[in-house]
PDB file of all heavy atoms in Angstrom:
ATOM      1  N   PRO A   1     137.980 120.633 164.219  1.00  0.00           N
ATOM      2  CA  PRO A   1     136.826 121.140 164.958  1.00  0.00           C
ATOM      3  C   PRO A   1     135.992 122.144 164.162  1.00  0.00           C
ATOM      4  O   PRO A   1     134.850 122.391 164.540  1.00  0.00           O
ATOM      5  CB  PRO A   1     137.504 121.840 166.163  1.00  0.00           C
ATOM      6  CG  PRO A   1     138.851 122.237 165.659  1.00  0.00           C
ATOM      7  CD  PRO A   1     139.284 121.170 164.686  1.00  0.00           C
ATOM      8  N   TYR A   2     136.587 122.727 163.086  1.00  0.00           N
ATOM      9  CA  TYR A   2     135.798 123.671 162.292  1.00  0.00           C
ATOM     10  C   TYR A   2     135.927 123.321 160.816  1.00  0.00           C
ATOM     11  O   TYR A   2     136.939 122.828 160.345  1.00  0.00           O
ATOM     12  CB  TYR A   2     136.273 125.114 162.522  1.00  0.00           C
ATOM     13  CG  TYR A   2     135.960 125.610 163.925  1.00  0.00           C
ATOM     14  CD1 TYR A   2     136.945 125.660 164.894  1.00  0.00           C
ATOM     15  CD2 TYR A   2     134.659 126.011 164.259  1.00  0.00           C
ATOM     16  CE1 TYR A   2     136.661 126.122 166.184  1.00  0.00           C
ATOM     17  CE2 TYR A   2     134.390 126.460 165.547  1.00  0.00           C
ATOM     18  CZ  TYR A   2     135.379 126.499 166.485  1.00  0.00           C
ATOM     19  OH  TYR A   2     135.106 126.926 167.769  1.00  0.00           O
ATOM     20  N   ASN A   3     134.870 123.639 160.108  1.00  0.00           N
ATOM     21  CA  ASN A   3     134.800 123.470 158.645  1.00  0.00           C
ATOM     22  C   ASN A   3     135.345 124.756 158.012  1.00  0.00           C
ATOM     23  O   ASN A   3     135.106 125.837 158.531  1.00  0.00           O
ATOM     24  CB  ASN A   3     133.313 123.266 158.299  1.00  0.00           C
ATOM     25  CG  ASN A   3     133.054 122.955 156.857  1.00  0.00           C
ATOM     26  OD1 ASN A   3     133.353 123.751 155.973  1.00  0.00           O
ATOM     27  ND2 ASN A   3     132.470 121.788 156.623  1.00  0.00           N
ATOM     28  N   PRO A   4     136.096 124.665 156.899  1.00  0.00           N
ATOM     29  CA  PRO A   4     136.631 125.886 156.296  1.00  0.00           C
ATOM     30  C   PRO A   4     135.596 126.912 155.890  1.00  0.00           C
ATOM     31  O   PRO A   4     135.875 128.107 155.857  1.00  0.00           O
ATOM     32  CB  PRO A   4     137.420 125.393 155.088  1.00  0.00           C
ATOM     33  CG  PRO A   4     136.997 123.983 154.865  1.00  0.00           C
ATOM     34  CD  PRO A   4     136.572 123.474 156.181  1.00  0.00           C
ATOM     35  N   THR A   5     134.353 126.447 155.661  1.00  0.00           N
ATOM     36  CA  THR A   5     133.300 127.433 155.343  1.00  0.00           C
ATOM     37  C   THR A   5     132.907 128.253 156.557  1.00  0.00           C
ATOM     38  O   THR A   5     132.256 129.310 156.438  1.00  0.00           O
ATOM     39  CB  THR A   5     132.049 126.733 154.793  1.00  0.00           C
ATOM     40  OG1 THR A   5     131.512 125.854 155.799  1.00  0.00           O
ATOM     41  CG2 THR A   5     132.372 125.934 153.536  1.00  0.00           C
ATOM     42  N   GLU A   6     133.376 127.843 157.759  1.00  0.00           N
ATOM     43  CA  GLU A   6     133.048 128.576 158.991  1.00  0.00           C
ATOM     44  C   GLU A   6     134.061 129.649 159.311  1.00  0.00           C
ATOM     45  O   GLU A   6     133.757 130.573 160.066  1.00  0.00           O
ATOM     46  CB  GLU A   6     132.953 127.580 160.161  1.00  0.00           C
ATOM     47  CG  GLU A   6     131.826 126.574 160.061  1.00  0.00           C
ATOM     48  CD  GLU A   6     131.835 125.602 161.213  1.00  0.00           C
ATOM     49  OE1 GLU A   6     132.708 124.696 161.263  1.00  0.00           O
ATOM     50  OE2 GLU A   6     130.955 125.738 162.084  1.00  0.00           O
ATOM     51  N   TYR A   7     135.277 129.531 158.766  1.00  0.00           N
ATOM     52  CA  TYR A   7     136.286 130.547 159.108  1.00  0.00           C
ATOM     53  C   TYR A   7     136.854 131.246 157.891  1.00  0.00           C
ATOM     54  O   TYR A   7     137.671 132.171 158.044  1.00  0.00           O
ATOM     55  CB  TYR A   7     137.403 129.954 159.972  1.00  0.00           C
ATOM     56  CG  TYR A   7     138.119 128.752 159.395  1.00  0.00           C
ATOM     57  CD1 TYR A   7     139.154 128.908 158.478  1.00  0.00           C
ATOM     58  CD2 TYR A   7     137.795 127.471 159.792  1.00  0.00           C
ATOM     59  CE1 TYR A   7     139.821 127.803 157.957  1.00  0.00           C
ATOM     60  CE2 TYR A   7     138.450 126.355 159.302  1.00  0.00           C
ATOM     61  CZ  TYR A   7     139.471 126.516 158.393  1.00  0.00           C
ATOM     62  OH  TYR A   7     140.131 125.439 157.863  1.00  0.00           O
ATOM     63  N   PHE A   8     136.486 130.858 156.681  1.00  0.00           N
ATOM     64  CA  PHE A   8     136.893 131.546 155.483  1.00  0.00           C
ATOM     65  C   PHE A   8     135.692 132.310 154.886  1.00  0.00           C
ATOM     66  O   PHE A   8     134.596 131.733 154.762  1.00  0.00           O
ATOM     67  CB  PHE A   8     137.355 130.555 154.408  1.00  0.00           C
ATOM     68  CG  PHE A   8     138.854 130.284 154.388  1.00  0.00           C
ATOM     69  CD1 PHE A   8     139.300 128.986 154.593  1.00  0.00           C
ATOM     70  CD2 PHE A   8     139.768 131.281 154.123  1.00  0.00           C
ATOM     71  CE1 PHE A   8     140.670 128.697 154.559  1.00  0.00           C
ATOM     72  CE2 PHE A   8     141.122 131.017 154.078  1.00  0.00           C
ATOM     73  CZ  PHE A   8     141.578 129.705 154.306  1.00  0.00           C
ATOM     74  N   HIS A   9     135.875 133.563 154.529  1.00  0.00           N
ATOM     75  CA  HIS A   9     134.890 134.221 153.689  1.00  0.00           C
ATOM     76  C   HIS A   9     134.880 133.491 152.357  1.00  0.00           C
ATOM     77  O   HIS A   9     135.917 133.049 151.846  1.00  0.00           O
ATOM     78  CB  HIS A   9     135.326 135.699 153.472  1.00  0.00           C
ATOM     79  CG  HIS A   9     134.318 136.529 152.719  1.00  0.00           C
ATOM     80  ND1 HIS A   9     134.148 136.406 151.363  1.00  0.00           N
ATOM     81  CD2 HIS A   9     133.453 137.476 153.144  1.00  0.00           C
ATOM     82  CE1 HIS A   9     133.221 137.256 150.970  1.00  0.00           C
ATOM     83  NE2 HIS A   9     132.760 137.907 152.049  1.00  0.00           N
ATOM     84  N   GLU A  10     133.702 133.299 151.779  1.00  0.00           N
ATOM     85  CA  GLU A  10     133.595 132.434 150.603  1.00  0.00           C
ATOM     86  C   GLU A  10     134.529 132.866 149.463  1.00  0.00           C
ATOM     87  O   GLU A  10     135.121 132.003 148.805  1.00  0.00           O
ATOM     88  CB  GLU A  10     132.146 132.372 150.083  1.00  0.00           C
ATOM     89  CG  GLU A  10     132.028 131.416 148.894  1.00  0.00           C
ATOM     90  CD  GLU A  10     130.608 131.142 148.495  1.00  0.00           C
ATOM     91  OE1 GLU A  10     129.710 131.110 149.367  1.00  0.00           O
ATOM     92  OE2 GLU A  10     130.369 130.931 147.285  1.00  0.00           O
ATOM     93  N   ALA A  11     134.648 134.142 149.238  1.00  0.00           N
ATOM     94  CA  ALA A  11     135.545 134.606 148.152  1.00  0.00           C
ATOM     95  C   ALA A  11     136.974 134.181 148.384  1.00  0.00           C
ATOM     96  O   ALA A  11     137.687 133.765 147.453  1.00  0.00           O
ATOM     97  CB  ALA A  11     135.459 136.119 147.997  1.00  0.00           C
ATOM     98  N   PHE A  12     137.447 134.230 149.664  1.00  0.00           N
ATOM     99  CA  PHE A  12     138.813 133.807 149.958  1.00  0.00           C
ATOM    100  C   PHE A  12     138.948 132.287 149.935  1.00  0.00           C
ATOM    101  O   PHE A  12     139.998 131.773 149.518  1.00  0.00           O
ATOM    102  CB  PHE A  12     139.228 134.368 151.319  1.00  0.00           C
ATOM    103  CG  PHE A  12     139.524 135.824 151.296  1.00  0.00           C
ATOM    104  CD1 PHE A  12     138.632 136.741 151.844  1.00  0.00           C
ATOM    105  CD2 PHE A  12     140.702 136.302 150.745  1.00  0.00           C
ATOM    106  CE1 PHE A  12     138.905 138.092 151.805  1.00  0.00           C
ATOM    107  CE2 PHE A  12     140.975 137.671 150.692  1.00  0.00           C
ATOM    108  CZ  PHE A  12     140.082 138.572 151.229  1.00  0.00           C
ATOM    109  N   LEU A  13     137.919 131.577 150.336  1.00  0.00           N
ATOM    110  CA  LEU A  13     137.972 130.127 150.256  1.00  0.00           C
ATOM    111  C   LEU A  13     138.067 129.673 148.795  1.00  0.00           C
ATOM    112  O   LEU A  13     138.841 128.777 148.478  1.00  0.00           O
ATOM    113  CB  LEU A  13     136.742 129.508 150.934  1.00  0.00           C
ATOM    114  CG  LEU A  13     136.652 127.987 150.924  1.00  0.00           C
ATOM    115  CD1 LEU A  13     137.932 127.347 151.523  1.00  0.00           C
ATOM    116  CD2 LEU A  13     135.414 127.513 151.696  1.00  0.00           C
ATOM    117  N   ARG A  14     137.298 130.306 147.941  1.00  0.00           N
ATOM    118  CA  ARG A  14     137.394 129.987 146.515  1.00  0.00           C
ATOM    119  C   ARG A  14     138.788 130.246 145.998  1.00  0.00           C
ATOM    120  O   ARG A  14     139.348 129.444 145.208  1.00  0.00           O
ATOM    121  CB  ARG A  14     136.363 130.796 145.731  1.00  0.00           C
ATOM    122  CG  ARG A  14     134.935 130.345 145.864  1.00  0.00           C
ATOM    123  CD  ARG A  14     133.947 131.262 145.151  1.00  0.00           C
ATOM    124  NE  ARG A  14     132.607 130.716 145.201  1.00  0.00           N
ATOM    125  CZ  ARG A  14     132.118 129.840 144.304  1.00  0.00           C
ATOM    126  NH1 ARG A  14     132.847 129.458 143.282  1.00  0.00           N
ATOM    127  NH2 ARG A  14     130.890 129.388 144.416  1.00  0.00           N
ATOM    128  N   ARG A  15     139.363 131.384 146.371  1.00  0.00           N
ATOM    129  CA  ARG A  15     140.688 131.711 145.910  1.00  0.00           C
ATOM    130  C   ARG A  15     141.725 130.711 146.480  1.00  0.00           C
ATOM    131  O   ARG A  15     142.668 130.328 145.783  1.00  0.00           O
ATOM    132  CB  ARG A  15     141.062 133.133 146.342  1.00  0.00           C
ATOM    133  CG  ARG A  15     142.361 133.632 145.745  1.00  0.00           C
ATOM    134  CD  ARG A  15     142.615 135.106 146.119  1.00  0.00           C
ATOM    135  NE  ARG A  15     143.868 135.557 145.503  1.00  0.00           N
ATOM    136  CZ  ARG A  15     144.386 136.751 145.739  1.00  0.00           C
ATOM    137  NH1 ARG A  15     143.746 137.611 146.509  1.00  0.00           N
ATOM    138  NH2 ARG A  15     145.533 137.104 145.170  1.00  0.00           N
ATOM    139  N   TYR A  16     141.538 130.306 147.710  1.00  0.00           N
ATOM    140  CA  TYR A  16     142.459 129.348 148.327  1.00  0.00           C
ATOM    141  C   TYR A  16     142.432 128.012 147.607  1.00  0.00           C
ATOM    142  O   TYR A  16     143.462 127.423 147.363  1.00  0.00           O
ATOM    143  CB  TYR A  16     142.084 129.160 149.799  1.00  0.00           C
ATOM    144  CG  TYR A  16     143.055 128.266 150.552  1.00  0.00           C
ATOM    145  CD1 TYR A  16     144.344 128.681 150.838  1.00  0.00           C
ATOM    146  CD2 TYR A  16     142.653 126.985 150.952  1.00  0.00           C
ATOM    147  CE1 TYR A  16     145.219 127.854 151.523  1.00  0.00           C
ATOM    148  CE2 TYR A  16     143.546 126.169 151.628  1.00  0.00           C
ATOM    149  CZ  TYR A  16     144.834 126.605 151.919  1.00  0.00           C
ATOM    150  OH  TYR A  16     145.699 125.794 152.574  1.00  0.00           O
ATOM    151  N   ILE A  17     141.244 127.544 147.232  1.00  0.00           N
ATOM    152  CA  ILE A  17     141.142 126.270 146.530  1.00  0.00           C
ATOM    153  C   ILE A  17     141.792 126.380 145.150  1.00  0.00           C
ATOM    154  O   ILE A  17     142.461 125.458 144.677  1.00  0.00           O
ATOM    155  CB  ILE A  17     139.678 125.854 146.435  1.00  0.00           C
ATOM    156  CG1 ILE A  17     139.145 125.475 147.827  1.00  0.00           C
ATOM    157  CG2 ILE A  17     139.482 124.678 145.475  1.00  0.00           C
ATOM    158  CD1 ILE A  17     137.636 125.275 147.895  1.00  0.00           C
ATOM    159  N   ARG A  18     141.601 127.515 144.498  1.00  0.00           N
ATOM    160  CA  ARG A  18     142.164 127.754 143.161  1.00  0.00           C
ATOM    161  C   ARG A  18     143.698 127.822 143.214  1.00  0.00           C
ATOM    162  O   ARG A  18     144.397 127.259 142.369  1.00  0.00           O
ATOM    163  CB  ARG A  18     141.600 128.990 142.545  1.00  0.00           C
ATOM    164  CG  ARG A  18     140.143 128.930 142.191  1.00  0.00           C
ATOM    165  CD  ARG A  18     139.894 127.973 141.048  1.00  0.00           C
ATOM    166  NE  ARG A  18     138.528 128.007 140.556  1.00  0.00           N
ATOM    167  CZ  ARG A  18     137.906 126.943 140.120  1.00  0.00           C
ATOM    168  NH1 ARG A  18     138.517 125.773 140.104  1.00  0.00           N
ATOM    169  NH2 ARG A  18     136.673 127.030 139.663  1.00  0.00           N
ATOM    170  N   ASP A  19     144.237 128.533 144.172  1.00  0.00           N
ATOM    171  CA  ASP A  19     145.691 128.774 144.231  1.00  0.00           C
ATOM    172  C   ASP A  19     146.084 129.067 145.669  1.00  0.00           C
ATOM    173  O   ASP A  19     146.124 130.217 146.113  1.00  0.00           O
ATOM    174  CB  ASP A  19     146.053 129.965 143.337  1.00  0.00           C
ATOM    175  CG  ASP A  19     147.572 130.174 143.256  1.00  0.00           C
ATOM    176  OD1 ASP A  19     148.340 129.400 143.878  1.00  0.00           O
ATOM    177  OD2 ASP A  19     147.978 131.130 142.595  1.00  0.00           O
ATOM    178  N   PRO A  20     146.383 128.038 146.461  1.00  0.00           N
ATOM    179  CA  PRO A  20     146.674 128.214 147.888  1.00  0.00           C
ATOM    180  C   PRO A  20     147.788 129.206 148.153  1.00  0.00           C
ATOM    181  O   PRO A  20     147.711 130.001 149.099  1.00  0.00           O
ATOM    182  CB  PRO A  20     147.050 126.794 148.360  1.00  0.00           C
ATOM    183  CG  PRO A  20     146.358 125.893 147.406  1.00  0.00           C
ATOM    184  CD  PRO A  20     146.397 126.605 146.096  1.00  0.00           C
ATOM    185  N   GLN A  21     148.843 129.189 147.321  1.00  0.00           N
ATOM    186  CA  GLN A  21     149.974 130.040 147.591  1.00  0.00           C
ATOM    187  C   GLN A  21     149.650 131.527 147.303  1.00  0.00           C
ATOM    188  O   GLN A  21     150.325 132.420 147.799  1.00  0.00           O
ATOM    189  CB  GLN A  21     151.167 129.598 146.731  1.00  0.00           C
ATOM    190  CG  GLN A  21     151.777 128.276 147.177  1.00  0.00           C
ATOM    191  CD  GLN A  21     152.486 128.348 148.505  1.00  0.00           C
ATOM    192  OE1 GLN A  21     153.138 129.352 148.821  1.00  0.00           O
ATOM    193  NE2 GLN A  21     152.384 127.303 149.316  1.00  0.00           N
ATOM    194  N   ALA A  22     148.612 131.784 146.508  1.00  0.00           N
ATOM    195  CA  ALA A  22     148.190 133.160 146.219  1.00  0.00           C
ATOM    196  C   ALA A  22     147.551 133.797 147.444  1.00  0.00           C
ATOM    197  O   ALA A  22     147.544 135.014 147.566  1.00  0.00           O
ATOM    198  CB  ALA A  22     147.230 133.205 145.033  1.00  0.00           C
ATOM    199  N   LEU A  23     147.028 132.970 148.324  1.00  0.00           N
ATOM    200  CA  LEU A  23     146.367 133.487 149.526  1.00  0.00           C
ATOM    201  C   LEU A  23     147.257 133.393 150.766  1.00  0.00           C
ATOM    202  O   LEU A  23     147.240 134.292 151.605  1.00  0.00           O
ATOM    203  CB  LEU A  23     145.082 132.726 149.756  1.00  0.00           C
ATOM    204  CG  LEU A  23     144.176 133.227 150.873  1.00  0.00           C
ATOM    205  CD1 LEU A  23     143.615 134.608 150.532  1.00  0.00           C
ATOM    206  CD2 LEU A  23     143.028 132.247 151.109  1.00  0.00           C
ATOM    207  N   ARG A  24     148.042 132.326 150.831  1.00  0.00           N
ATOM    208  CA  ARG A  24     148.850 132.074 152.030  1.00  0.00           C
ATOM    209  C   ARG A  24     150.155 131.476 151.570  1.00  0.00           C
ATOM    210  O   ARG A  24     150.276 130.239 151.405  1.00  0.00           O
ATOM    211  CB  ARG A  24     148.079 131.145 152.979  1.00  0.00           C
ATOM    212  CG  ARG A  24     148.816 130.818 154.258  1.00  0.00           C
ATOM    213  CD  ARG A  24     147.982 129.892 155.114  1.00  0.00           C
ATOM    214  NE  ARG A  24     146.794 130.523 155.659  1.00  0.00           N
ATOM    215  CZ  ARG A  24     145.736 129.871 156.132  1.00  0.00           C
ATOM    216  NH1 ARG A  24     145.686 128.557 156.079  1.00  0.00           N
ATOM    217  NH2 ARG A  24     144.725 130.548 156.606  1.00  0.00           N
ATOM    218  N   GLN A  25     151.178 132.321 151.374  1.00  0.00           N
ATOM    219  CA  GLN A  25     152.458 131.824 150.903  1.00  0.00           C
ATOM    220  C   GLN A  25     153.181 131.093 152.030  1.00  0.00           C
ATOM    221  O   GLN A  25     153.343 131.639 153.120  1.00  0.00           O
ATOM    222  CB  GLN A  25     153.320 132.953 150.354  1.00  0.00           C
ATOM    223  CG  GLN A  25     152.803 133.527 149.035  1.00  0.00           C
ATOM    224  CD  GLN A  25     153.795 134.449 148.376  1.00  0.00           C
ATOM    225  OE1 GLN A  25     154.867 134.697 148.903  1.00  0.00           O
ATOM    226  NE2 GLN A  25     153.423 134.934 147.206  1.00  0.00           N
ATOM    227  N   TRP A  26     153.601 129.869 151.735  1.00  0.00           N
ATOM    228  CA  TRP A  26     154.256 129.046 152.747  1.00  0.00           C
ATOM    229  C   TRP A  26     155.104 128.005 152.027  1.00  0.00           C
ATOM    230  O   TRP A  26     154.570 127.220 151.221  1.00  0.00           O
ATOM    231  CB  TRP A  26     153.202 128.395 153.633  1.00  0.00           C
ATOM    232  CG  TRP A  26     153.739 127.543 154.734  1.00  0.00           C
ATOM    233  CD1 TRP A  26     154.842 127.785 155.501  1.00  0.00           C
ATOM    234  CD2 TRP A  26     153.206 126.310 155.208  1.00  0.00           C
ATOM    235  NE1 TRP A  26     155.031 126.789 156.423  1.00  0.00           N
ATOM    236  CE2 TRP A  26     154.037 125.856 156.262  1.00  0.00           C
ATOM    237  CE3 TRP A  26     152.105 125.525 154.850  1.00  0.00           C
ATOM    238  CZ2 TRP A  26     153.808 124.671 156.950  1.00  0.00           C
ATOM    239  CZ3 TRP A  26     151.848 124.357 155.531  1.00  0.00           C
ATOM    240  CH2 TRP A  26     152.693 123.921 156.583  1.00  0.00           C
TER     241      TRP A  26
END
């Protein structure tokens, strides 16, 4: 229902794409 650009600040979205575990360890 939502695009990641709608709920991620761009700096965090860039970081998530580069290294998902660095932003959200799971």
